[in-house]
Protein backbone atom coordinates (compact mmCIF):
# COMPACT_ATOMS: atom_id res chain seq x y z
CA MET A 1 -7.67 -14.10 9.43
CA GLU A 2 -8.27 -16.74 6.80
CA VAL A 3 -5.60 -17.66 4.24
CA THR A 4 -6.72 -19.50 1.10
CA GLU A 5 -4.40 -21.33 -1.27
CA THR A 6 -4.90 -20.74 -5.00
CA GLY A 7 -3.41 -23.92 -6.45
CA ILE A 8 -0.17 -22.08 -7.24
CA ARG A 9 2.43 -22.36 -4.51
CA ASP A 10 2.95 -19.16 -2.49
CA LEU A 11 0.10 -17.28 -4.22
CA LYS A 12 -2.55 -16.66 -1.55
CA ILE A 13 -5.86 -14.93 -0.91
CA ILE A 14 -6.19 -13.37 2.53
CA ARG A 15 -9.47 -12.58 4.25
CA PRO A 16 -8.96 -10.46 7.37
CA GLY A 17 -11.24 -10.71 10.37
CA VAL A 18 -13.68 -7.83 9.95
CA PHE A 19 -15.63 -6.43 12.90
CA GLU A 20 -18.79 -4.62 11.85
CA ASP A 21 -21.51 -2.89 13.82
CA GLU A 22 -23.86 0.07 13.47
CA ARG A 23 -20.86 2.46 13.52
CA GLY A 24 -19.07 0.84 10.57
CA TYR A 25 -16.24 -1.66 10.48
CA PHE A 26 -12.69 -2.31 11.67
CA PHE A 27 -10.03 -4.78 10.57
CA GLU A 28 -6.29 -5.22 10.61
CA SER A 29 -5.14 -5.27 7.00
CA TYR A 30 -1.63 -6.17 8.08
CA ASN A 31 -0.22 -7.53 11.32
CA GLU A 32 3.31 -8.90 11.10
CA GLY A 33 2.81 -11.45 13.89
CA ILE A 34 -0.46 -12.83 12.53
CA PHE A 35 0.97 -13.00 9.01
CA LYS A 36 4.02 -14.90 10.30
CA ASP A 37 1.71 -17.33 12.11
CA HIS A 38 0.22 -18.08 8.66
CA GLY A 39 3.65 -18.58 7.08
CA ILE A 40 3.68 -15.16 5.41
CA ASP A 41 6.99 -13.60 6.36
CA PHE A 42 7.93 -10.52 4.35
CA THR A 43 9.26 -7.13 5.33
CA PHE A 44 7.30 -4.58 3.37
CA VAL A 45 9.25 -1.42 2.53
CA GLN A 46 6.96 0.52 0.17
CA ASP A 47 3.23 1.20 -0.17
CA ASN A 48 1.77 2.15 -3.57
CA GLN A 49 -1.70 3.54 -4.19
CA SER A 50 -3.47 4.11 -7.49
CA ARG A 51 -6.88 5.27 -8.66
CA SER A 52 -8.32 4.22 -12.01
CA GLY A 53 -11.64 4.30 -13.82
CA PHE A 54 -13.79 1.54 -15.27
CA GLY A 55 -12.14 -0.49 -18.00
CA VAL A 56 -8.57 0.46 -17.12
CA ILE A 57 -6.16 -2.47 -17.32
CA ARG A 58 -2.75 -2.09 -15.73
CA ALA A 59 -0.72 -5.15 -16.64
CA LEU A 60 1.33 -7.36 -16.73
CA HIS A 61 4.22 -5.88 -14.71
CA TYR A 62 7.11 -7.16 -12.60
CA GLN A 63 10.65 -6.29 -11.55
CA LEU A 64 13.61 -8.50 -12.42
CA GLU A 65 16.15 -9.94 -9.99
CA PRO A 66 17.72 -8.66 -7.85
CA LYS A 67 14.89 -6.13 -7.38
CA VAL A 68 11.96 -8.56 -7.66
CA GLN A 69 8.94 -7.75 -5.48
CA THR A 70 6.37 -9.55 -3.38
CA LYS A 71 3.09 -7.59 -3.34
CA LEU A 72 0.13 -7.57 -0.98
CA VAL A 73 -2.79 -6.01 -2.89
CA ARG A 74 -6.13 -4.71 -1.61
CA VAL A 75 -8.86 -2.31 -2.71
CA LEU A 76 -9.79 0.72 -0.63
CA ASP A 77 -12.72 1.78 -2.83
CA GLY A 78 -14.41 0.05 -5.77
CA LYS A 79 -13.79 -3.34 -7.38
CA ILE A 80 -11.01 -4.88 -9.48
CA TRP A 81 -10.09 -8.19 -11.09
CA ASP A 82 -6.55 -8.80 -9.81
CA VAL A 83 -4.32 -11.22 -11.72
CA ALA A 84 -0.99 -12.94 -11.09
CA VAL A 85 0.95 -15.05 -13.63
CA ASP A 86 3.58 -17.57 -12.50
CA LEU A 87 6.86 -16.81 -14.32
CA ARG A 88 9.17 -18.94 -12.16
CA GLU A 89 11.34 -21.20 -14.32
CA ASN A 90 10.77 -24.91 -13.52
CA SER A 91 7.59 -24.18 -11.54
CA PRO A 92 4.95 -26.90 -12.01
CA THR A 93 2.48 -24.06 -12.59
CA PHE A 94 4.71 -22.01 -14.92
CA LEU A 95 2.64 -19.59 -17.01
CA GLU A 96 -0.57 -20.39 -15.12
CA TRP A 97 -2.51 -17.43 -13.86
CA ARG A 98 -5.08 -16.83 -11.16
CA GLY A 99 -7.48 -13.98 -10.73
CA VAL A 100 -9.46 -12.81 -7.74
CA GLU A 101 -12.07 -10.10 -7.37
CA LEU A 102 -10.88 -7.62 -4.77
CA SER A 103 -13.28 -4.96 -3.55
CA SER A 104 -13.94 -2.52 -0.78
CA ASP A 105 -16.94 -4.72 0.08
CA ASN A 106 -15.20 -8.11 0.36
CA TYR A 107 -11.97 -6.89 2.07
CA LEU A 108 -9.91 -9.61 0.35
CA GLN A 109 -6.18 -9.23 -0.20
CA PHE A 110 -4.02 -10.98 -2.80
CA LEU A 111 -0.49 -12.00 -1.84
CA ILE A 112 1.62 -12.13 -5.00
CA PRO A 113 5.09 -13.57 -4.37
CA LYS A 114 8.34 -12.92 -6.18
CA GLY A 115 8.46 -14.33 -9.69
CA PHE A 116 4.94 -13.40 -10.78
CA ALA A 117 3.67 -10.84 -13.27
CA HIS A 118 0.86 -8.73 -11.82
CA GLY A 119 -1.99 -6.74 -13.25
CA PHE A 120 -5.57 -5.71 -12.67
CA SER A 121 -8.66 -4.44 -14.45
CA VAL A 122 -11.18 -2.04 -12.95
CA LEU A 123 -14.71 -3.44 -12.76
CA SER A 124 -16.38 -0.52 -10.94
CA LYS A 125 -16.81 3.14 -11.94
CA THR A 126 -13.53 3.87 -10.15
CA ALA A 127 -11.22 1.91 -7.87
CA VAL A 128 -8.52 2.86 -5.39
CA ILE A 129 -5.89 0.15 -5.00
CA LEU A 130 -3.22 -0.12 -2.29
CA TYR A 131 -0.37 -2.56 -2.42
CA LYS A 132 2.56 -3.19 -0.17
CA CYS A 133 5.91 -4.22 -1.68
CA ASP A 134 8.89 -5.91 -0.06
CA GLU A 135 11.35 -4.24 -2.47
CA LEU A 136 11.61 -0.63 -3.56
CA TYR A 137 10.60 0.45 -7.04
CA ALA A 138 13.58 0.10 -9.37
CA PRO A 139 12.90 1.48 -12.89
CA ASP A 140 16.05 -0.15 -14.30
CA HIS A 141 14.60 -3.56 -13.37
CA GLU A 142 11.08 -3.04 -14.73
CA ALA A 143 9.72 -5.60 -17.15
CA GLY A 144 6.41 -6.88 -18.40
CA ILE A 145 4.38 -8.94 -20.81
CA ARG A 146 1.69 -7.69 -23.14
CA TYR A 147 -1.66 -7.90 -21.35
CA ASP A 148 -3.41 -9.82 -24.16
CA ASP A 149 -0.66 -12.30 -25.01
CA PRO A 150 -2.48 -15.43 -26.24
CA GLU A 151 0.09 -17.76 -24.68
CA VAL A 152 -0.74 -16.35 -21.25
CA GLY A 153 -4.47 -16.03 -21.99
CA VAL A 154 -5.66 -13.82 -19.12
CA ASP A 155 -9.40 -13.11 -19.00
CA TRP A 156 -9.60 -9.48 -17.87
CA LYS A 157 -13.40 -9.49 -17.36
CA ILE A 158 -13.59 -6.33 -19.50
CA ARG A 159 -15.01 -6.28 -23.04
CA PRO A 160 -12.34 -5.36 -25.64
CA GLU A 161 -14.18 -2.18 -26.62
CA ASP A 162 -14.20 -0.99 -22.97
CA ARG A 163 -10.48 -1.58 -22.31
CA ILE A 164 -8.28 1.41 -21.51
CA LEU A 165 -4.52 0.88 -21.51
CA SER A 166 -1.44 3.07 -21.40
CA GLN A 167 0.84 3.27 -24.41
CA ARG A 168 3.49 1.58 -22.28
CA ASP A 169 1.24 -1.43 -21.61
CA LEU A 170 0.14 -1.64 -25.24
CA HIS A 171 3.79 -1.90 -26.27
CA MET A 172 4.93 -4.51 -23.74
CA PRO A 173 6.62 -7.46 -25.43
CA PRO A 174 4.85 -10.77 -26.01
CA PHE A 175 5.66 -13.56 -23.57
CA LYS A 176 8.22 -15.19 -25.91
CA GLU A 177 10.25 -11.95 -26.02
CA ALA A 178 9.85 -10.84 -22.40
CA LYS A 179 12.80 -10.62 -20.02
CA MET A 180 12.53 -13.02 -17.08
CA ASN A 181 15.04 -14.31 -14.56
CA PHE A 182 12.99 -16.05 -11.87
CA LYS A 183 13.70 -19.50 -10.47
CA PHE A 184 11.28 -21.82 -8.72
CA LEU A 185 12.73 -22.78 -5.34
């Protein structure tokens, strides 16, 4: 397993060791011991899976304290542009974002720690996304930022005319009005 830093503390890209031969491939997407050896020590309690079509943007979501989540994201089929935005107060990278292409071909995983907004756009015809969370879904603690907020400035890699968003995401508040309660430790 290879763990790559992103320039934002605690936000990591993980490349598992993949074993391929004429029969196909095998890899461990999660192994608690190996993750701990790389300084990644979370107890995941919920797996979420979604399927979306080309142009869909699901963003920028998070849960507030005390129900904030760490997420480990990967793609089972297709290709996405996965994005995390640092919302931790006093972080030297506050409001910076990073994106990584995750696909069923590159096997990469994106570790998004507590205190980040998360979203993705679908770059392939369809994509199936799986992500592990270290906190259960808590609708009373849901929050988000509008996906196209100019202060955040995420490049979704999807032309505006091809973007498909839910009404909920279209009506998320701008950054300046969003609820946040994360601290940089």
